[in-house]
Amino acid sequence: MDTGSRLDQLDRTAVSDRLGSGWISATPTRELPGAPDRRPRPAAVLLPLFRHREAWHLLFIRRTEYTGDDHSGQVAFPGGRRDPADSDAAATALREAQEEIGLDPKQVRLLGKLRPLQTTSNYLVTSFVGEIPWPLDLTPDPVEVARVFHIPLAWLADPTHRQVRTWPAPDHPEARAVIFYDRFDRELLWGVSARITLNFLATLSRT
């Protein structure tokens, strides 16, 4: 049985158990090695997970494009910077998902979180996995989101659908190993969102 098939056999309880099994360290990983030179800004994202045709899928967004914004037009998970009014990182992820795609927090069953990731843009990102019902009527905010789409977890778990490249260039001061997936439904998943995806898959695959 391949990895994708095994993942699809997991129920919500198994997913939650693996996310809370003690494998998840509170110590952040970093896109670049070495100690940070300044305190990172807190942020959080939501990995919306749902069952569709007897298989798990992850929901993604493609951000609206703006000139001069390095992250615009990229595939991502709903999320963003923590607001002073947010009670915790989970509240940030749920608030951002509601603002960006119209996902009611009451429709999200939080299953657990992943190890925090410190990005080269100096954000400390906490990723939460939340099960949502499907199908679901979502209302993306066009100012922030150009498209909402989903990818089967089994496809994401297949190593033939991704590769690792040195990016931006081997001689760049921030050169690092970056994950690039093949295009799925015309969309390109790469970078931080791809790394978070693989962290989630690795957590689910542990026994």
Protein backbone atom coordinates (compact mmCIF):
# COMPACT_ATOMS: atom_id res chain seq x y z
CA MET A 1 0.00 0.00 0.00
CA ASP A 2 1.44 3.41 -0.97
CA THR A 3 1.77 6.38 1.38
CA GLY A 4 -1.20 8.23 -0.13
CA SER A 5 -3.53 5.28 0.39
CA ARG A 6 -2.38 4.90 3.98
CA LEU A 7 -3.01 8.57 4.67
CA ASP A 8 -6.53 8.38 3.26
CA GLN A 9 -7.30 5.53 5.65
CA LEU A 10 -6.64 7.76 8.65
CA ASP A 11 -9.74 9.12 10.35
CA ARG A 12 -9.96 12.47 12.14
CA THR A 13 -9.04 10.88 15.48
CA ALA A 14 -5.87 9.36 14.01
CA VAL A 15 -4.90 12.67 12.42
CA SER A 16 -5.43 14.49 15.72
CA ASP A 17 -3.51 11.83 17.66
CA ARG A 18 -0.49 12.12 15.37
CA LEU A 19 -0.50 15.89 15.59
CA GLY A 20 -0.57 15.68 19.38
CA SER A 21 1.64 12.66 19.81
CA GLY A 22 4.65 14.45 21.28
CA TRP A 23 6.63 14.49 18.03
CA ILE A 24 5.83 18.19 17.58
CA SER A 25 8.60 20.31 19.08
CA ALA A 26 7.95 23.84 20.31
CA THR A 27 11.43 24.83 19.08
CA PRO A 28 11.07 26.55 15.70
CA THR A 29 12.76 25.33 12.55
CA ARG A 30 14.26 27.96 10.26
CA GLU A 31 14.43 28.48 6.54
CA LEU A 32 18.04 29.60 6.97
CA PRO A 33 20.51 28.03 9.43
CA GLY A 34 21.89 29.92 12.39
CA ALA A 35 20.43 32.09 15.10
CA PRO A 36 18.00 34.86 14.14
CA ASP A 37 19.43 38.39 14.17
CA ARG A 38 16.18 39.94 15.40
CA ARG A 39 12.99 38.88 17.10
CA PRO A 40 10.55 37.36 14.60
CA ARG A 41 7.00 38.64 14.11
CA PRO A 42 4.30 36.11 15.10
CA ALA A 43 1.99 34.78 12.39
CA ALA A 44 -0.27 31.79 11.92
CA VAL A 45 -1.86 29.83 9.08
CA LEU A 46 -4.70 27.34 8.84
CA LEU A 47 -4.41 24.07 6.92
CA PRO A 48 -8.08 23.37 6.02
CA LEU A 49 -8.46 19.60 5.70
CA PHE A 50 -11.53 17.78 4.42
CA ARG A 51 -12.81 14.48 3.03
CA HIS A 52 -13.82 14.42 -0.63
CA ARG A 53 -14.64 11.21 -2.52
CA GLU A 54 -13.26 9.12 0.35
CA ALA A 55 -9.91 10.92 0.31
CA TRP A 56 -8.30 13.72 2.31
CA HIS A 57 -7.75 17.07 0.58
CA LEU A 58 -5.99 20.27 1.64
CA LEU A 59 -7.46 23.67 0.78
CA PHE A 60 -5.14 26.35 -0.61
CA ILE A 61 -5.45 29.92 -1.82
CA ARG A 62 -3.64 31.87 -4.52
CA ARG A 63 -3.02 35.40 -3.39
CA THR A 64 -4.07 38.38 -5.49
CA GLU A 65 -1.16 39.91 -7.43
CA TYR A 66 0.16 43.37 -6.61
CA THR A 67 3.19 45.10 -8.08
CA GLY A 68 6.03 45.27 -5.57
CA ASP A 69 4.62 42.60 -3.24
CA ASP A 70 7.02 39.64 -3.17
CA HIS A 71 4.36 37.26 -1.83
CA SER A 72 1.45 38.29 -4.03
CA GLY A 73 0.29 35.77 -6.62
CA GLN A 74 1.71 32.88 -4.60
CA VAL A 75 -0.06 29.74 -3.46
CA ALA A 76 -0.50 29.72 0.31
CA PHE A 77 -2.64 28.66 3.22
CA PRO A 78 -5.10 31.17 4.72
CA GLY A 79 -3.25 33.11 7.38
CA GLY A 80 -1.26 36.16 8.32
CA ARG A 81 0.25 38.27 11.07
CA ARG A 82 -1.01 38.09 14.62
CA ASP A 83 -3.26 40.97 15.64
CA PRO A 84 -2.99 42.44 19.17
CA ALA A 85 -6.64 41.52 19.68
CA ASP A 86 -6.01 37.82 18.92
CA SER A 87 -6.09 35.71 22.08
CA ASP A 88 -3.54 33.24 20.72
CA ALA A 89 -2.03 31.89 17.49
CA ALA A 90 -5.06 29.70 16.79
CA ALA A 91 -7.28 32.78 16.94
CA THR A 92 -5.01 34.43 14.38
CA ALA A 93 -5.31 31.50 11.97
CA LEU A 94 -9.10 31.33 12.31
CA ARG A 95 -9.56 35.10 11.99
CA GLU A 96 -7.41 35.27 8.88
CA ALA A 97 -9.25 32.36 7.28
CA GLN A 98 -12.56 34.09 7.91
CA GLU A 99 -11.29 37.38 6.49
CA GLU A 100 -9.62 35.87 3.45
CA ILE A 101 -12.04 33.14 2.33
CA GLY A 102 -15.16 33.62 4.45
CA LEU A 103 -14.60 30.46 6.50
CA ASP A 104 -16.71 30.61 9.67
CA PRO A 105 -14.54 29.58 12.66
CA LYS A 106 -17.51 27.56 13.95
CA GLN A 107 -17.13 25.29 10.90
CA VAL A 108 -13.51 24.43 11.78
CA ARG A 109 -12.60 21.52 14.04
CA LEU A 110 -9.01 22.15 15.09
CA LEU A 111 -7.06 18.87 15.11
CA GLY A 112 -3.63 20.11 16.17
CA LYS A 113 -0.65 22.18 15.15
CA LEU A 114 2.79 21.77 13.59
CA ARG A 115 6.23 22.86 14.71
CA PRO A 116 6.66 26.64 14.24
CA LEU A 117 8.71 27.82 11.26
CA GLN A 118 10.80 30.98 11.14
CA THR A 119 10.87 32.36 7.60
CA THR A 120 13.50 34.42 5.82
CA SER A 121 11.03 37.32 5.94
CA ASN A 122 11.31 37.07 9.75
CA TYR A 123 7.88 35.68 10.57
CA LEU A 124 7.44 32.93 13.15
CA VAL A 125 4.63 30.92 11.58
CA THR A 126 2.51 28.52 13.63
CA SER A 127 0.46 26.16 11.44
CA PHE A 128 -2.86 24.72 12.61
CA VAL A 129 -4.68 21.82 10.98
CA GLY A 130 -8.46 22.15 10.99
CA GLU A 131 -11.06 19.82 9.54
CA ILE A 132 -13.85 21.55 7.61
CA PRO A 133 -17.08 20.23 6.08
CA TRP A 134 -17.23 19.72 2.32
CA PRO A 135 -18.67 20.92 0.03
CA LEU A 136 -18.62 24.40 1.54
CA ASP A 137 -19.74 27.76 0.20
CA LEU A 138 -16.77 30.10 0.62
CA THR A 139 -16.57 33.80 -0.23
CA PRO A 140 -12.97 34.81 -0.95
CA ASP A 141 -12.03 38.46 -0.46
CA PRO A 142 -10.80 39.51 -3.94
CA VAL A 143 -8.47 42.09 -2.41
CA GLU A 144 -6.46 39.26 -0.85
CA VAL A 145 -7.41 36.04 -2.65
CA ALA A 146 -7.53 35.39 -6.39
CA ARG A 147 -8.54 31.75 -6.15
CA VAL A 148 -9.42 28.95 -3.72
CA PHE A 149 -8.64 25.35 -4.73
CA HIS A 150 -7.74 22.00 -3.20
CA ILE A 151 -5.22 19.20 -3.74
CA PRO A 152 -5.57 15.54 -2.69
CA LEU A 153 -3.29 14.61 0.20
CA ALA A 154 -2.26 11.45 -1.65
CA TRP A 155 -1.00 13.51 -4.61
CA LEU A 156 0.96 15.80 -2.27
CA ALA A 157 2.53 12.78 -0.56
CA ASP A 158 3.86 11.33 -3.84
CA PRO A 159 7.58 12.26 -4.04
CA THR A 160 7.51 12.14 -7.85
CA HIS A 161 5.38 15.30 -7.79
CA ARG A 162 8.03 17.53 -6.21
CA GLN A 163 11.69 18.48 -6.32
CA VAL A 164 14.15 20.49 -4.26
CA ARG A 165 16.03 23.40 -5.83
CA THR A 166 18.61 25.86 -4.54
CA TRP A 167 16.80 29.19 -4.54
CA PRO A 168 17.06 32.08 -5.37
CA ALA A 169 20.54 31.16 -6.72
CA PRO A 170 23.55 29.16 -5.44
CA ASP A 171 25.61 32.33 -4.85
CA HIS A 172 22.80 34.32 -3.22
CA PRO A 173 23.32 35.24 0.48
CA GLU A 174 19.93 33.67 1.30
CA ALA A 175 20.44 30.59 -0.87
CA ARG A 176 18.54 27.65 0.57
CA ALA A 177 16.92 24.35 -0.40
CA VAL A 178 13.36 25.14 -1.52
CA ILE A 179 10.60 22.66 -2.33
CA PHE A 180 8.78 23.05 -5.64
CA TYR A 181 5.78 20.88 -6.50
CA ASP A 182 4.66 20.14 -10.02
CA ARG A 183 1.71 22.28 -11.08
CA PHE A 184 -1.67 20.95 -10.00
CA ASP A 185 -4.76 22.41 -11.65
CA ARG A 186 -2.44 25.10 -13.08
CA GLU A 187 -1.28 26.14 -9.58
CA LEU A 188 2.31 26.09 -8.30
CA LEU A 189 2.90 25.15 -4.65
CA TRP A 190 6.41 25.99 -3.46
CA GLY A 191 8.46 27.64 -0.73
CA VAL A 192 7.18 28.01 2.82
CA SER A 193 3.71 26.62 2.04
CA ALA A 194 5.25 23.54 0.41
CA ARG A 195 7.51 23.04 3.42
CA ILE A 196 4.57 23.31 5.82
CA THR A 197 2.72 20.77 3.68
CA LEU A 198 5.62 18.32 3.87
CA ASN A 199 5.92 18.85 7.64
CA PHE A 200 2.26 17.91 7.96
CA LEU A 201 2.68 14.84 5.73
CA ALA A 202 5.74 13.72 7.69
CA THR A 203 3.82 14.00 10.95
CA LEU A 204 0.93 11.94 9.58
CA SER A 205 3.30 9.27 8.22
CA ARG A 206 4.97 8.56 11.56
CA THR A 207 3.86 5.46 13.38
